[in-house]
Protein backbone atom coordinates (compact mmCIF):
# COMPACT_ATOMS: atom_id res chain seq x y z
CA MET A 1 58.52 201.83 131.72
CA THR A 2 57.24 197.99 131.89
CA ARG A 3 54.89 196.52 134.24
CA SER A 4 55.98 193.62 136.46
CA LEU A 5 54.40 190.48 135.70
CA GLY A 6 54.79 189.16 139.33
CA ASN A 7 56.57 186.66 140.94
CA PRO A 8 58.03 184.47 138.09
CA SER A 9 59.04 181.71 140.66
CA GLN A 10 55.16 181.21 141.78
CA GLU A 11 53.84 177.92 140.65
CA ILE A 12 50.64 177.64 138.22
CA ASP A 13 48.14 175.80 140.43
CA SER A 14 47.28 172.78 138.35
CA GLU A 15 44.26 171.85 140.27
CA PRO A 16 42.51 175.10 141.02
CA GLU A 17 38.96 173.55 141.76
CA ARG A 18 40.35 171.29 144.50
CA THR A 19 42.55 174.41 145.93
CA LEU A 20 39.14 176.41 146.14
CA ARG A 21 37.21 173.40 147.71
CA GLN A 22 39.99 173.29 150.39
CA ARG A 23 40.01 176.91 150.99
CA LEU A 24 36.16 176.92 151.38
CA LYS A 25 36.22 173.88 153.80
CA GLU A 26 38.99 175.98 155.86
CA LYS A 27 36.98 179.27 155.91
CA GLN A 28 33.30 177.97 156.14
CA ASN A 29 31.88 176.11 159.04
CA GLN A 30 35.11 174.51 160.24
CA GLY A 31 33.71 173.35 163.44
CA ASN A 32 30.64 171.71 161.78
CA PRO A 33 31.42 167.87 161.61
CA LYS A 34 28.44 167.40 158.86
CA PHE A 35 29.75 169.96 156.70
CA ARG A 36 33.37 168.49 156.90
CA GLU A 37 31.84 164.88 155.91
CA ASP A 38 29.84 166.28 153.18
CA MET A 39 33.07 168.07 151.84
CA GLU A 40 34.97 164.66 152.00
CA ASN A 41 32.45 162.74 150.12
CA ILE A 42 32.57 165.30 147.63
CA GLU A 43 36.25 165.13 147.40
CA GLY A 44 36.24 161.47 147.11
CA THR A 45 33.96 161.21 144.48
CA HIS A 46 35.85 163.79 142.51
CA ASP A 47 38.97 161.86 143.09
CA GLU A 48 37.49 158.64 141.82
CA GLN A 49 36.38 160.12 138.71
CA ALA A 50 39.65 161.85 138.10
CA ARG A 51 41.34 158.14 138.32
CA ARG A 52 38.88 156.58 135.93
CA PRO A 53 40.43 156.02 132.38
CA ARG A 54 39.35 158.76 129.92
CA ARG A 55 36.70 157.54 127.35
CA THR A 56 36.12 159.02 123.68
CA MET A 57 32.76 158.83 122.32
CA GLU A 58 33.86 156.18 119.91
CA ASP A 59 34.28 154.02 123.23
CA PHE A 60 30.72 154.44 124.15
CA VAL A 61 29.23 153.51 120.71
CA THR A 62 31.75 150.36 119.81
CA GLN A 63 30.67 147.21 121.23
CA SER A 64 33.31 145.16 122.90
CA PRO A 65 34.21 142.07 120.99
CA ASN A 66 33.62 139.98 124.68
CA THR A 67 29.80 141.17 124.58
CA SER A 68 27.70 138.25 124.44
CA ARG A 69 24.12 138.97 123.20
CA THR A 70 22.77 135.40 123.00
CA SER A 71 19.62 134.57 124.74
CA ILE A 72 20.50 130.84 125.37
CA ILE A 73 23.07 129.49 127.97
CA THR A 74 23.82 126.19 126.84
CA PRO A 75 24.76 123.60 129.74
CA SER A 76 28.42 122.47 129.46
CA ILE A 77 29.24 119.03 128.05
CA GLN A 78 31.66 116.26 129.16
CA ALA A 79 32.61 115.06 125.68
CA ASN A 80 36.00 116.36 124.08
CA ASN A 81 36.39 117.63 120.75
CA PHE A 82 32.36 117.42 120.36
CA ASP A 83 30.66 119.00 117.46
CA PHE A 84 27.41 118.38 115.59
CA LYS A 85 27.83 116.90 111.99
CA PRO A 86 27.44 119.63 108.87
CA GLN A 87 24.73 117.53 107.34
CA LEU A 88 22.49 117.54 110.51
CA LEU A 89 22.84 121.65 110.58
CA LEU A 90 21.80 121.61 106.91
CA MET A 91 19.11 119.27 107.48
CA LEU A 92 17.46 121.64 110.12
CA GLN A 93 18.15 124.80 108.24
CA THR A 94 16.55 123.28 104.95
CA HIS A 95 13.67 120.82 106.00
CA TYR A 96 13.08 121.89 110.03
CA GLN A 97 12.29 125.48 109.52
CA PHE A 98 10.02 128.01 111.30
CA GLY A 99 9.22 131.94 111.03
CA TRP A 100 8.94 132.10 107.25
CA LEU A 101 5.05 131.54 106.91
CA ALA A 102 2.00 133.37 108.37
CA ASN A 103 0.28 130.03 109.60
CA GLU A 104 2.99 127.91 111.02
CA ASP A 105 2.01 125.41 113.59
CA PRO A 106 4.44 125.76 116.63
CA ASN A 107 3.55 122.66 118.31
CA ASP A 108 3.86 120.63 115.19
CA HIS A 109 7.58 122.42 114.66
CA LEU A 110 8.49 121.24 118.50
CA GLU A 111 7.06 117.92 117.99
CA ARG A 112 9.09 117.38 114.76
CA PHE A 113 12.15 118.79 116.20
CA LEU A 114 12.17 116.31 119.31
CA ASP A 115 11.11 113.44 116.97
CA LEU A 116 14.58 114.11 115.10
CA CYS A 117 16.55 114.77 118.26
CA ALA A 118 15.41 111.38 119.75
CA THR A 119 16.94 109.78 116.81
CA PHE A 120 20.79 110.31 117.98
CA LYS A 121 22.68 110.23 121.25
CA TYR A 122 26.16 111.73 122.27
CA ASN A 123 28.03 110.12 125.27
CA GLY A 124 28.57 113.36 127.41
CA VAL A 125 26.01 115.32 126.02
CA SER A 126 22.71 115.64 127.65
CA ASP A 127 19.22 116.23 126.03
CA ASP A 128 19.22 119.65 126.96
CA ALA A 129 22.65 120.62 125.98
CA ALA A 130 21.95 119.26 122.52
CA ARG A 131 18.39 120.61 122.00
CA LEU A 132 19.35 123.90 123.22
CA ARG A 133 22.41 124.29 120.75
CA LEU A 134 20.53 123.00 117.83
CA PHE A 135 17.16 124.62 118.24
CA LYS A 136 18.13 127.93 117.08
CA PHE A 137 19.14 126.57 113.74
CA THR A 138 15.36 125.89 113.10
CA LEU A 139 14.35 129.33 113.35
CA GLY A 140 14.28 131.91 110.52
CA GLY A 141 12.88 135.20 109.77
CA ARG A 142 10.67 136.49 112.35
CA ALA A 143 11.40 134.01 114.59
CA LYS A 144 15.17 134.07 114.51
CA THR A 145 14.73 137.88 114.88
CA TRP A 146 12.58 137.07 118.10
CA LEU A 147 15.07 134.71 119.71
CA ASN A 148 18.05 137.09 119.17
CA THR A 149 15.82 140.05 120.93
CA LEU A 150 15.33 137.99 124.04
CA PRO A 151 17.53 139.27 127.12
CA ALA A 152 21.10 137.74 127.22
CA GLY A 153 21.09 134.62 129.64
CA SER A 154 17.36 134.49 129.85
CA ILE A 155 17.24 130.74 128.46
CA THR A 156 19.32 128.07 130.49
CA THR A 157 17.00 124.89 129.91
CA TRP A 158 15.15 123.33 127.36
CA GLU A 159 11.72 124.04 129.31
CA ASP A 160 12.79 127.48 129.48
CA LEU A 161 13.12 127.66 125.86
CA GLN A 162 9.76 125.55 125.09
CA LYS A 163 7.81 127.94 127.34
CA LYS A 164 9.05 131.12 125.54
CA PHE A 165 8.47 129.60 122.33
CA LEU A 166 4.94 128.77 122.84
CA GLY A 167 4.47 131.90 124.89
CA LYS A 168 5.27 133.81 121.85
CA TYR A 169 3.67 131.95 118.81
CA PHE A 170 0.90 129.80 120.72
CA PRO A 171 -0.50 132.23 123.24
CA PRO A 172 -3.64 131.99 125.38
CA ALA A 173 -5.80 133.54 122.87
CA LYS A 174 -4.88 131.16 120.22
CA THR A 175 -5.64 128.25 122.50
CA ILE A 176 -9.37 129.66 123.09
CA LYS A 177 -9.75 130.22 119.60
CA LEU A 178 -8.76 126.63 118.50
CA ARG A 179 -10.52 125.31 121.40
CA ASN A 180 -13.67 126.95 120.47
CA GLU A 181 -13.14 125.58 116.96
CA ILE A 182 -13.19 122.13 118.27
CA LEU A 183 -16.34 122.82 120.34
CA GLN A 184 -18.21 124.15 117.55
CA PHE A 185 -17.23 121.23 115.32
CA LEU A 186 -19.66 120.44 112.25
CA GLN A 187 -19.65 117.80 109.77
CA GLU A 188 -19.25 119.28 106.42
CA SER A 189 -21.89 118.50 103.57
CA GLU A 190 -20.74 115.74 101.19
CA GLU A 191 -18.15 114.84 104.04
CA HIS A 192 -17.77 111.18 104.74
CA LEU A 193 -17.49 109.82 108.39
CA SER A 194 -13.84 109.16 107.98
CA GLU A 195 -13.12 112.25 106.71
CA ALA A 196 -14.86 114.24 109.56
CA TRP A 197 -13.11 112.08 111.99
CA GLU A 198 -9.99 112.62 110.67
CA ARG A 199 -10.51 116.58 110.52
CA PHE A 200 -11.70 116.37 114.00
CA ASN A 201 -8.45 114.80 115.23
CA GLY A 202 -6.47 117.45 113.18
CA LEU A 203 -8.29 120.04 115.11
CA LEU A 204 -7.13 118.19 118.38
CA LYS A 205 -3.69 118.02 117.00
CA LYS A 206 -3.45 121.69 116.62
CA CYS A 207 -4.09 122.64 120.34
CA PRO A 208 -2.65 120.27 122.51
CA ASN A 209 -3.73 121.77 125.60
CA HIS A 210 -7.38 121.86 124.73
CA LYS A 211 -8.29 120.03 127.98
CA ILE A 212 -11.28 118.35 126.02
CA PHE A 213 -10.84 114.52 127.11
CA TRP A 214 -13.84 112.77 128.20
CA SER A 215 -16.14 114.67 125.91
CA GLN A 216 -14.24 114.48 122.59
CA ILE A 217 -16.36 111.68 121.50
CA GLU A 218 -19.74 113.84 122.36
CA VAL A 219 -18.05 116.72 120.92
CA PHE A 220 -17.53 115.01 117.55
CA TYR A 221 -21.04 112.96 117.82
CA ASN A 222 -23.04 116.19 118.17
CA GLY A 223 -21.39 118.07 115.25
CA LEU A 224 -22.36 115.28 112.93
CA ASN A 225 -25.39 115.40 110.54
CA ILE A 226 -28.49 113.27 111.35
CA THR A 227 -27.76 110.79 108.61
CA THR A 228 -24.32 109.89 109.99
CA ARG A 229 -25.39 109.97 113.67
CA SER A 230 -28.25 107.49 112.44
CA MET A 231 -25.45 105.11 111.32
CA ILE A 232 -23.38 105.20 114.14
CA VAL A 233 -26.00 104.37 116.59
CA ALA A 234 -27.07 101.58 114.35
CA ALA A 235 -23.44 100.28 113.96
CA ALA A 236 -22.98 100.78 118.23
CA GLY A 237 -26.26 98.86 118.91
CA GLY A 238 -27.93 101.74 120.59
CA SER A 239 -27.06 105.16 121.89
CA ILE A 240 -23.43 106.04 122.24
CA SER A 241 -24.08 107.50 125.51
CA LYS A 242 -24.37 104.24 127.28
CA LYS A 243 -20.99 103.17 125.71
CA THR A 244 -17.71 103.53 127.41
CA PRO A 245 -14.88 105.44 125.54
């Protein structure tokens, strides 16, 4: 004797979870508005998730071709068919590099870059647009890595880029160190006055924000040896404290 398998015409429920929630809603707290609202919110969330396209694990780890990671947003330009000459890009990548050596001067790098940019002008292209497009070609090694790890779209002006660049490679601690070197300047033995003056100015150049203006001559003079000081006093016709800068 075979067992009946039930009504063959009975349809299989394709959404048992939804059916169960519906029955629970009808059975429990049918008169409770708060319960009814909560159940509707749950159903809405479930339906929204069901409508979303199915994604595989590969979808989550594959980068979209339209995803931009660049930290620099360059201004739009008015010039048609504009492009930098390959010779200029090659020059930047060979003679204007920063990021490969340990003791590079970021202020000197910016100065040289701006001097180069001042030698050309394109109609319909602002200074910001040109500088922001070209500066990345001057970076290599650790500096290139630093630029690429900044948040996407975090730089929109040349001022932004300068601040971030100097904030990274010329932090306040470095300013304090170089400023102290200026204040503690001493003439070396066997160093001529002209050589000492050149070296002192080199220290000032390394620290553009030293904020030592009126006292520069005093700091330099106090760092000279007695013989050189006497020579300066004689040449000035008296104490330099009475002289104007």
